Amino acid sequence: MTGTGRARGARGRLGRTLSSLTAVVGCVLFLGGFVWAAVLYQPYAVPSDSMVPTVNAGDRILVQRVDGDQVRRGDIVVFRDPAWGELPMIKRVVGVGGDTVECCDKEGRLTLNGEALDEPYLRRDEQASFTDFEAAVPEGRLFLLGDHRIDSVDSRMHLEDAANGSVERDAVVGRVDAVVWPPARAGMTERPRSFADLPGGVSRPGPLGSAAAAIAGGVALILVGAVAGAITAVRGRRARLTHNGGTHG
């Protein structure tokens, strides 16, 4: 074999090694991101319109598995409480232990500890509540309302219960982090700014974005590795044909 042939062979081996390594790294990223997301998140189908316009009936959502102690005001959570039925329910946290939730003030707004609460997630033509109420939230519990107040069975319907309609933090299954279907509505759920300045602030988004980036990056590297491997293989065959042609010509 001539020096040129050896150089081409070395380049071919290097190209195959790099393309294989790229594909392997891509597989690791893809599988790692997928497993990461599967461990931290659980998909749900929304059964009702109680959270319109934030989440609609039929939407597919991803719920981050978190403990109830990690839940903050403004979070949308999925929970199970025997007093509310056996099925998982989705509502927004508007009050935590020690809060007093009341409605409505002179402008028809919800108040939290005596301060009017800005609720940008409500429809513009919808009031904060169609019934007046006041509830003190016991420690270790959450006061939950649907965003579609006129069509939501929530803490207001359980005010006669011993805990003023609240549920235990331990009832929380997870926090809604994103809508993933339909595509037109897909996106991360926002943390309302109106809760940010209150004690405890708002929760941070989960690692869904990082997991999705790892999956997308993995797919891209797998494709790059496959294309690079194919190109290297074609060049190798051409080089061999040229070499064989030169030997026998």
C-alpha atoms as a PDB file:
ATOM      1  CA  MET A   1       0.000   0.000   0.000  1.00  0.00           C
ATOM      2  CA  THR A   2       1.319   3.439  -0.947  1.00  0.00           C
ATOM      3  CA  GLY A   3       1.704   6.309   1.497  1.00  0.00           C
ATOM      4  CA  THR A   4      -1.355   7.968   0.003  1.00  0.00           C
ATOM      5  CA  GLY A   5      -3.380   4.803   0.512  1.00  0.00           C
ATOM      6  CA  ARG A   6      -2.280   4.497   4.120  1.00  0.00           C
ATOM      7  CA  ALA A   7      -3.189   8.150   4.762  1.00  0.00           C
ATOM      8  CA  ARG A   8      -6.632   7.638   3.256  1.00  0.00           C
ATOM      9  CA  GLY A   9      -7.117   4.500   5.348  1.00  0.00           C
ATOM     10  CA  ALA A  10      -6.140   6.344   8.506  1.00  0.00           C
ATOM     11  CA  ARG A  11      -8.537   9.186   7.710  1.00  0.00           C
ATOM     12  CA  GLY A  12     -11.294   6.666   7.044  1.00  0.00           C
ATOM     13  CA  ARG A  13     -10.729   4.917  10.376  1.00  0.00           C
ATOM     14  CA  LEU A  14     -10.665   8.272  12.167  1.00  0.00           C
ATOM     15  CA  GLY A  15     -13.899   9.323  10.456  1.00  0.00           C
ATOM     16  CA  ARG A  16     -15.622   6.059  11.404  1.00  0.00           C
ATOM     17  CA  THR A  17     -14.429   6.391  14.999  1.00  0.00           C
ATOM     18  CA  LEU A  18     -15.646   9.983  15.291  1.00  0.00           C
ATOM     19  CA  SER A  19     -19.024   9.226  13.727  1.00  0.00           C
ATOM     20  CA  SER A  20     -19.504   6.229  16.032  1.00  0.00           C
ATOM     21  CA  LEU A  21     -18.489   8.265  19.074  1.00  0.00           C
ATOM     22  CA  THR A  22     -20.902  11.043  18.086  1.00  0.00           C
ATOM     23  CA  ALA A  23     -23.752   8.545  17.768  1.00  0.00           C
ATOM     24  CA  VAL A  24     -22.898   6.954  21.135  1.00  0.00           C
ATOM     25  CA  VAL A  25     -22.874  10.328  22.894  1.00  0.00           C
ATOM     26  CA  GLY A  26     -26.188  11.109  21.211  1.00  0.00           C
ATOM     27  CA  CYS A  27     -27.704   7.855  22.457  1.00  0.00           C
ATOM     28  CA  VAL A  28     -26.515   8.591  26.000  1.00  0.00           C
ATOM     29  CA  LEU A  29     -28.033  12.085  25.904  1.00  0.00           C
ATOM     30  CA  PHE A  30     -31.297  10.861  24.387  1.00  0.00           C
ATOM     31  CA  LEU A  31     -31.775   7.979  26.807  1.00  0.00           C
ATOM     32  CA  GLY A  32     -30.576  10.033  29.776  1.00  0.00           C
ATOM     33  CA  GLY A  33     -32.986  12.875  29.024  1.00  0.00           C
ATOM     34  CA  PHE A  34     -35.861  10.474  28.438  1.00  0.00           C
ATOM     35  CA  VAL A  35     -35.248   8.542  31.667  1.00  0.00           C
ATOM     36  CA  TRP A  36     -34.766  11.794  33.591  1.00  0.00           C
ATOM     37  CA  ALA A  37     -38.109  13.114  32.374  1.00  0.00           C
ATOM     38  CA  ALA A  38     -39.866   9.780  32.989  1.00  0.00           C
ATOM     39  CA  VAL A  39     -38.630   9.659  36.589  1.00  0.00           C
ATOM     40  CA  LEU A  40     -39.535  13.263  37.435  1.00  0.00           C
ATOM     41  CA  TYR A  41     -42.744  13.694  35.434  1.00  0.00           C
ATOM     42  CA  GLN A  42     -46.075  11.990  34.975  1.00  0.00           C
ATOM     43  CA  PRO A  43     -48.485  12.683  32.095  1.00  0.00           C
ATOM     44  CA  TYR A  44     -52.163  13.428  32.701  1.00  0.00           C
ATOM     45  CA  ALA A  45     -55.184  14.100  30.512  1.00  0.00           C
ATOM     46  CA  VAL A  46     -57.304  16.992  31.812  1.00  0.00           C
ATOM     47  CA  PRO A  47     -60.925  15.809  32.213  1.00  0.00           C
ATOM     48  CA  SER A  48     -62.795  19.098  32.710  1.00  0.00           C
ATOM     49  CA  ASP A  49     -62.885  22.824  31.946  1.00  0.00           C
ATOM     50  CA  SER A  50     -62.393  23.904  35.570  1.00  0.00           C
ATOM     51  CA  MET A  51     -58.972  25.411  34.759  1.00  0.00           C
ATOM     52  CA  VAL A  52     -59.930  27.265  31.561  1.00  0.00           C
ATOM     53  CA  PRO A  53     -58.332  29.321  30.051  1.00  0.00           C
ATOM     54  CA  THR A  54     -55.025  28.085  31.499  1.00  0.00           C
ATOM     55  CA  VAL A  55     -55.718  24.411  30.815  1.00  0.00           C
ATOM     56  CA  ASN A  56     -58.591  23.062  28.720  1.00  0.00           C
ATOM     57  CA  ALA A  57     -60.461  19.790  28.852  1.00  0.00           C
ATOM     58  CA  GLY A  58     -58.594  17.247  26.723  1.00  0.00           C
ATOM     59  CA  ASP A  59     -55.190  18.903  27.157  1.00  0.00           C
ATOM     60  CA  ARG A  60     -52.256  16.641  27.958  1.00  0.00           C
ATOM     61  CA  ILE A  61     -50.083  17.954  30.738  1.00  0.00           C
ATOM     62  CA  LEU A  62     -46.823  16.954  32.387  1.00  0.00           C
ATOM     63  CA  VAL A  63     -46.880  16.954  36.169  1.00  0.00           C
ATOM     64  CA  GLN A  64     -43.633  17.164  38.116  1.00  0.00           C
ATOM     65  CA  ARG A  65     -43.585  14.760  41.031  1.00  0.00           C
ATOM     66  CA  VAL A  66     -43.032  16.957  44.094  1.00  0.00           C
ATOM     67  CA  ASP A  67     -43.791  16.773  47.782  1.00  0.00           C
ATOM     68  CA  GLY A  68     -46.578  18.927  49.136  1.00  0.00           C
ATOM     69  CA  ASP A  69     -44.017  20.929  51.127  1.00  0.00           C
ATOM     70  CA  GLN A  70     -42.557  22.195  47.824  1.00  0.00           C
ATOM     71  CA  VAL A  71     -45.852  23.702  46.672  1.00  0.00           C
ATOM     72  CA  ARG A  72     -46.190  27.507  46.634  1.00  0.00           C
ATOM     73  CA  ARG A  73     -49.039  29.947  46.079  1.00  0.00           C
ATOM     74  CA  GLY A  74     -49.922  30.219  42.412  1.00  0.00           C
ATOM     75  CA  ASP A  75     -48.923  26.645  41.578  1.00  0.00           C
ATOM     76  CA  ILE A  76     -51.297  24.455  39.606  1.00  0.00           C
ATOM     77  CA  VAL A  77     -51.335  21.073  41.297  1.00  0.00           C
ATOM     78  CA  VAL A  78     -52.798  17.621  40.827  1.00  0.00           C
ATOM     79  CA  PHE A  79     -54.051  16.100  44.069  1.00  0.00           C
ATOM     80  CA  ARG A  80     -56.180  13.328  45.511  1.00  0.00           C
ATOM     81  CA  ASP A  81     -58.479  13.853  48.474  1.00  0.00           C
ATOM     82  CA  PRO A  82     -61.165  11.332  49.505  1.00  0.00           C
ATOM     83  CA  ALA A  83     -63.512  14.178  50.445  1.00  0.00           C
ATOM     84  CA  TRP A  84     -63.317  15.458  46.849  1.00  0.00           C
ATOM     85  CA  GLY A  85     -63.680  12.058  45.169  1.00  0.00           C
ATOM     86  CA  GLU A  86     -61.350   9.255  44.185  1.00  0.00           C
ATOM     87  CA  LEU A  87     -60.079  10.714  40.903  1.00  0.00           C
ATOM     88  CA  PRO A  88     -57.070  13.070  40.683  1.00  0.00           C
ATOM     89  CA  MET A  89     -58.098  16.723  40.422  1.00  0.00           C
ATOM     90  CA  ILE A  90     -56.332  19.803  39.083  1.00  0.00           C
ATOM     91  CA  LYS A  91     -56.622  23.228  40.770  1.00  0.00           C
ATOM     92  CA  ARG A  92     -54.568  26.330  41.538  1.00  0.00           C
ATOM     93  CA  VAL A  93     -53.165  27.021  45.008  1.00  0.00           C
ATOM     94  CA  VAL A  94     -54.331  30.469  46.151  1.00  0.00           C
ATOM     95  CA  GLY A  95     -53.749  30.106  49.888  1.00  0.00           C
ATOM     96  CA  VAL A  96     -51.439  28.193  52.219  1.00  0.00           C
ATOM     97  CA  GLY A  97     -51.455  27.552  55.954  1.00  0.00           C
ATOM     98  CA  GLY A  98     -51.994  30.773  57.918  1.00  0.00           C
ATOM     99  CA  ASP A  99     -53.609  32.669  55.018  1.00  0.00           C
ATOM    100  CA  THR A 100     -57.093  34.131  54.983  1.00  0.00           C
ATOM    101  CA  VAL A 101     -58.746  33.963  51.560  1.00  0.00           C
ATOM    102  CA  GLU A 102     -61.797  36.149  50.986  1.00  0.00           C
ATOM    103  CA  CYS A 103     -64.031  37.251  48.165  1.00  0.00           C
ATOM    104  CA  CYS A 104     -65.045  39.555  46.921  1.00  0.00           C
ATOM    105  CA  ASP A 105     -63.900  43.144  47.486  1.00  0.00           C
ATOM    106  CA  LYS A 106     -65.726  46.179  46.035  1.00  0.00           C
ATOM    107  CA  GLU A 107     -64.095  45.570  42.667  1.00  0.00           C
ATOM    108  CA  GLY A 108     -64.985  41.904  42.610  1.00  0.00           C
ATOM    109  CA  ARG A 109     -61.451  40.699  43.345  1.00  0.00           C
ATOM    110  CA  LEU A 110     -60.147  37.935  45.549  1.00  0.00           C
ATOM    111  CA  THR A 111     -58.242  39.111  48.613  1.00  0.00           C
ATOM    112  CA  LEU A 112     -55.409  37.300  50.345  1.00  0.00           C
ATOM    113  CA  ASN A 113     -54.691  38.363  53.916  1.00  0.00           C
ATOM    114  CA  GLY A 114     -56.640  41.555  53.288  1.00  0.00           C
ATOM    115  CA  GLU A 115     -54.792  42.506  50.087  1.00  0.00           C
ATOM    116  CA  ALA A 116     -56.457  42.414  46.668  1.00  0.00           C
ATOM    117  CA  LEU A 117     -54.964  39.713  44.468  1.00  0.00           C
ATOM    118  CA  ASP A 118     -54.260  40.266  40.784  1.00  0.00           C
ATOM    119  CA  GLU A 119     -55.315  37.126  38.900  1.00  0.00           C
ATOM    120  CA  PRO A 120     -54.246  37.473  35.247  1.00  0.00           C
ATOM    121  CA  TYR A 121     -55.079  33.821  34.583  1.00  0.00           C
ATOM    122  CA  LEU A 122     -58.837  34.485  34.859  1.00  0.00           C
ATOM    123  CA  ARG A 123     -60.962  35.317  31.856  1.00  0.00           C
ATOM    124  CA  ARG A 124     -61.463  39.061  31.479  1.00  0.00           C
ATOM    125  CA  ASP A 125     -65.221  38.690  31.678  1.00  0.00           C
ATOM    126  CA  GLU A 126     -65.157  36.422  34.738  1.00  0.00           C
ATOM    127  CA  GLN A 127     -65.353  37.448  38.388  1.00  0.00           C
ATOM    128  CA  ALA A 128     -63.049  36.068  41.061  1.00  0.00           C
ATOM    129  CA  SER A 129     -66.027  34.165  42.507  1.00  0.00           C
ATOM    130  CA  PHE A 130     -69.765  33.973  41.886  1.00  0.00           C
ATOM    131  CA  THR A 131     -70.327  33.569  45.647  1.00  0.00           C
ATOM    132  CA  ASP A 132     -68.910  35.513  48.571  1.00  0.00           C
ATOM    133  CA  PHE A 133     -66.810  33.599  51.082  1.00  0.00           C
ATOM    134  CA  GLU A 134     -64.096  33.859  53.700  1.00  0.00           C
ATOM    135  CA  ALA A 135     -61.801  31.035  54.771  1.00  0.00           C
ATOM    136  CA  ALA A 136     -58.866  30.758  57.160  1.00  0.00           C
ATOM    137  CA  VAL A 137     -56.420  28.123  55.925  1.00  0.00           C
ATOM    138  CA  PRO A 138     -55.103  25.791  58.670  1.00  0.00           C
ATOM    139  CA  GLU A 139     -51.376  25.082  58.879  1.00  0.00           C
ATOM    140  CA  GLY A 140     -50.170  22.310  56.622  1.00  0.00           C
ATOM    141  CA  ARG A 141     -53.060  22.721  54.211  1.00  0.00           C
ATOM    142  CA  LEU A 142     -53.843  24.382  50.857  1.00  0.00           C
ATOM    143  CA  PHE A 143     -56.818  26.398  49.613  1.00  0.00           C
ATOM    144  CA  LEU A 144     -57.498  25.506  45.983  1.00  0.00           C
ATOM    145  CA  LEU A 145     -59.542  27.206  43.268  1.00  0.00           C
ATOM    146  CA  GLY A 146     -60.108  26.514  39.587  1.00  0.00           C
ATOM    147  CA  ASP A 147     -59.281  29.290  37.126  1.00  0.00           C
ATOM    148  CA  HIS A 148     -62.741  28.917  35.556  1.00  0.00           C
ATOM    149  CA  ARG A 149     -64.508  30.062  38.716  1.00  0.00           C
ATOM    150  CA  ILE A 150     -68.035  29.740  37.368  1.00  0.00           C
ATOM    151  CA  ASP A 151     -67.478  26.087  36.437  1.00  0.00           C
ATOM    152  CA  SER A 152     -65.148  24.752  39.123  1.00  0.00           C
ATOM    153  CA  VAL A 153     -65.887  22.504  42.072  1.00  0.00           C
ATOM    154  CA  ASP A 154     -63.156  23.620  44.467  1.00  0.00           C
ATOM    155  CA  SER A 155     -62.479  24.730  48.045  1.00  0.00           C
ATOM    156  CA  ARG A 156     -65.500  27.039  47.943  1.00  0.00           C
ATOM    157  CA  MET A 157     -67.753  23.982  47.699  1.00  0.00           C
ATOM    158  CA  HIS A 158     -66.213  22.468  50.847  1.00  0.00           C
ATOM    159  CA  LEU A 159     -66.274  25.479  53.171  1.00  0.00           C
ATOM    160  CA  GLU A 160     -68.518  23.610  55.612  1.00  0.00           C
ATOM    161  CA  ASP A 161     -65.813  20.985  56.134  1.00  0.00           C
ATOM    162  CA  ALA A 162     -63.754  21.111  59.319  1.00  0.00           C
ATOM    163  CA  ALA A 163     -60.726  22.503  57.444  1.00  0.00           C
ATOM    164  CA  ASN A 164     -62.640  25.288  55.635  1.00  0.00           C
ATOM    165  CA  GLY A 165     -62.418  23.590  52.261  1.00  0.00           C
ATOM    166  CA  SER A 166     -58.644  23.151  52.308  1.00  0.00           C
ATOM    167  CA  VAL A 167     -56.729  19.953  51.572  1.00  0.00           C
ATOM    168  CA  GLU A 168     -53.603  18.545  53.178  1.00  0.00           C
ATOM    169  CA  ARG A 169     -50.298  19.250  51.488  1.00  0.00           C
ATOM    170  CA  ASP A 170     -49.693  15.493  51.477  1.00  0.00           C
ATOM    171  CA  ALA A 171     -52.660  15.124  49.113  1.00  0.00           C
ATOM    172  CA  VAL A 172     -50.613  16.733  46.325  1.00  0.00           C
ATOM    173  CA  VAL A 173     -49.460  14.295  43.646  1.00  0.00           C
ATOM    174  CA  GLY A 174     -47.453  16.816  41.667  1.00  0.00           C
ATOM    175  CA  ARG A 175     -47.189  20.284  40.162  1.00  0.00           C
ATOM    176  CA  VAL A 176     -48.227  21.041  36.578  1.00  0.00           C
ATOM    177  CA  ASP A 177     -45.137  22.151  34.677  1.00  0.00           C
ATOM    178  CA  ALA A 178     -46.277  22.174  31.053  1.00  0.00           C
ATOM    179  CA  VAL A 179     -49.017  21.565  28.537  1.00  0.00           C
ATOM    180  CA  VAL A 180     -47.689  19.226  25.842  1.00  0.00           C
ATOM    181  CA  TRP A 181     -50.810  18.662  23.727  1.00  0.00           C
ATOM    182  CA  PRO A 182     -52.334  20.041  21.564  1.00  0.00           C
ATOM    183  CA  PRO A 183     -49.279  21.628  19.905  1.00  0.00           C
ATOM    184  CA  ALA A 184     -51.018  24.987  19.555  1.00  0.00           C
ATOM    185  CA  ARG A 185     -51.291  25.235  23.352  1.00  0.00           C
ATOM    186  CA  ALA A 186     -48.024  23.537  24.262  1.00  0.00           C
ATOM    187  CA  GLY A 187     -45.736  25.406  26.637  1.00  0.00           C
ATOM    188  CA  MET A 188     -44.544  25.821  30.200  1.00  0.00           C
ATOM    189  CA  THR A 189     -47.065  27.004  32.789  1.00  0.00           C
ATOM    190  CA  GLU A 190     -46.345  30.464  34.163  1.00  0.00           C
ATOM    191  CA  ARG A 191     -45.876  31.399  37.814  1.00  0.00           C
ATOM    192  CA  PRO A 192     -48.135  34.431  38.440  1.00  0.00           C
ATOM    193  CA  ARG A 193     -46.165  37.540  39.415  1.00  0.00           C
ATOM    194  CA  SER A 194     -48.874  38.542  41.883  1.00  0.00           C
ATOM    195  CA  PHE A 195     -47.669  35.788  44.225  1.00  0.00           C
ATOM    196  CA  ALA A 196     -43.952  36.467  43.840  1.00  0.00           C
ATOM    197  CA  ASP A 197     -43.706  39.156  46.526  1.00  0.00           C
ATOM    198  CA  LEU A 198     -45.593  37.146  49.134  1.00  0.00           C
ATOM    199  CA  PRO A 199     -43.754  35.129  51.832  1.00  0.00           C
ATOM    200  CA  GLY A 200     -42.305  32.003  50.261  1.00  0.00           C
ATOM    201  CA  GLY A 201     -42.452  33.481  46.774  1.00  0.00           C
ATOM    202  CA  VAL A 202     -43.290  31.270  43.819  1.00  0.00           C
ATOM    203  CA  SER A 203     -41.897  27.911  42.823  1.00  0.00           C
ATOM    204  CA  ARG A 204     -39.260  27.509  40.144  1.00  0.00           C
ATOM    205  CA  PRO A 205     -39.980  25.653  36.913  1.00  0.00           C
ATOM    206  CA  GLY A 206     -38.905  22.026  36.938  1.00  0.00           C
ATOM    207  CA  PRO A 207     -36.091  20.549  34.833  1.00  0.00           C
ATOM    208  CA  LEU A 208     -38.359  19.699  31.902  1.00  0.00           C
ATOM    209  CA  GLY A 209     -36.596  22.184  29.638  1.00  0.00           C
ATOM    210  CA  SER A 210     -33.194  20.660  30.382  1.00  0.00           C
ATOM    211  CA  ALA A 211     -34.497  17.124  29.834  1.00  0.00           C
ATOM    212  CA  ALA A 212     -36.092  18.149  26.531  1.00  0.00           C
ATOM    213  CA  ALA A 213     -32.837  19.821  25.440  1.00  0.00           C
ATOM    214  CA  ALA A 214     -30.904  16.634  26.248  1.00  0.00           C
ATOM    215  CA  ILE A 215     -33.353  14.542  24.219  1.00  0.00           C
ATOM    216  CA  ALA A 216     -33.258  16.946  21.256  1.00  0.00           C
ATOM    217  CA  GLY A 217     -29.475  17.192  21.428  1.00  0.00           C
ATOM    218  CA  GLY A 218     -29.203  13.424  21.550  1.00  0.00           C
ATOM    219  CA  VAL A 219     -31.378  13.023  18.460  1.00  0.00           C
ATOM    220  CA  ALA A 220     -29.293  15.640  16.615  1.00  0.00           C
ATOM    221  CA  LEU A 221     -26.012  13.909  17.492  1.00  0.00           C
ATOM    222  CA  ILE A 222     -27.381  10.501  16.470  1.00  0.00           C
ATOM    223  CA  LEU A 223     -28.373  11.931  13.081  1.00  0.00           C
ATOM    224  CA  VAL A 224     -25.009  13.685  12.673  1.00  0.00           C
ATOM    225  CA  GLY A 225     -23.172  10.481  13.543  1.00  0.00           C
ATOM    226  CA  ALA A 226     -25.267   8.442  11.110  1.00  0.00           C
ATOM    227  CA  VAL A 227     -24.782  10.911   8.253  1.00  0.00           C
ATOM    228  CA  ALA A 228     -21.063  11.262   8.961  1.00  0.00           C
ATOM    229  CA  GLY A 229     -20.706   7.473   9.069  1.00  0.00           C
ATOM    230  CA  ALA A 230     -22.504   7.109   5.748  1.00  0.00           C
ATOM    231  CA  ILE A 231     -20.335   9.782   4.108  1.00  0.00           C
ATOM    232  CA  THR A 232     -17.168   8.153   5.466  1.00  0.00           C
ATOM    233  CA  ALA A 233     -18.288   4.760   4.155  1.00  0.00           C
ATOM    234  CA  VAL A 234     -19.005   6.164   0.662  1.00  0.00           C
ATOM    235  CA  ARG A 235     -15.641   7.928   0.525  1.00  0.00           C
ATOM    236  CA  GLY A 236     -13.928   4.744   1.642  1.00  0.00           C
ATOM    237  CA  ARG A 237     -15.540   2.719  -1.125  1.00  0.00           C
ATOM    238  CA  ARG A 238     -14.624   5.353  -3.695  1.00  0.00           C
ATOM    239  CA  ALA A 239     -11.041   5.392  -2.457  1.00  0.00           C
ATOM    240  CA  ARG A 240     -10.803   1.595  -2.728  1.00  0.00           C
ATOM    241  CA  LEU A 241     -12.282   1.598  -6.215  1.00  0.00           C
ATOM    242  CA  THR A 242      -9.832   4.295  -7.310  1.00  0.00           C
ATOM    243  CA  HIS A 243      -6.924   2.422  -5.765  1.00  0.00           C
ATOM    244  CA  ASN A 244      -7.931  -0.885  -7.357  1.00  0.00           C
ATOM    245  CA  GLY A 245      -8.458   0.812 -10.712  1.00  0.00           C
ATOM    246  CA  GLY A 246      -5.013   2.382 -10.561  1.00  0.00           C
ATOM    247  CA  THR A 247      -3.394  -0.978  -9.707  1.00  0.00           C
ATOM    248  CA  HIS A 248      -4.946  -2.888 -12.587  1.00  0.00           C
ATOM    249  CA  GLY A 249      -4.988  -0.111 -15.197  1.00  0.00           C
END
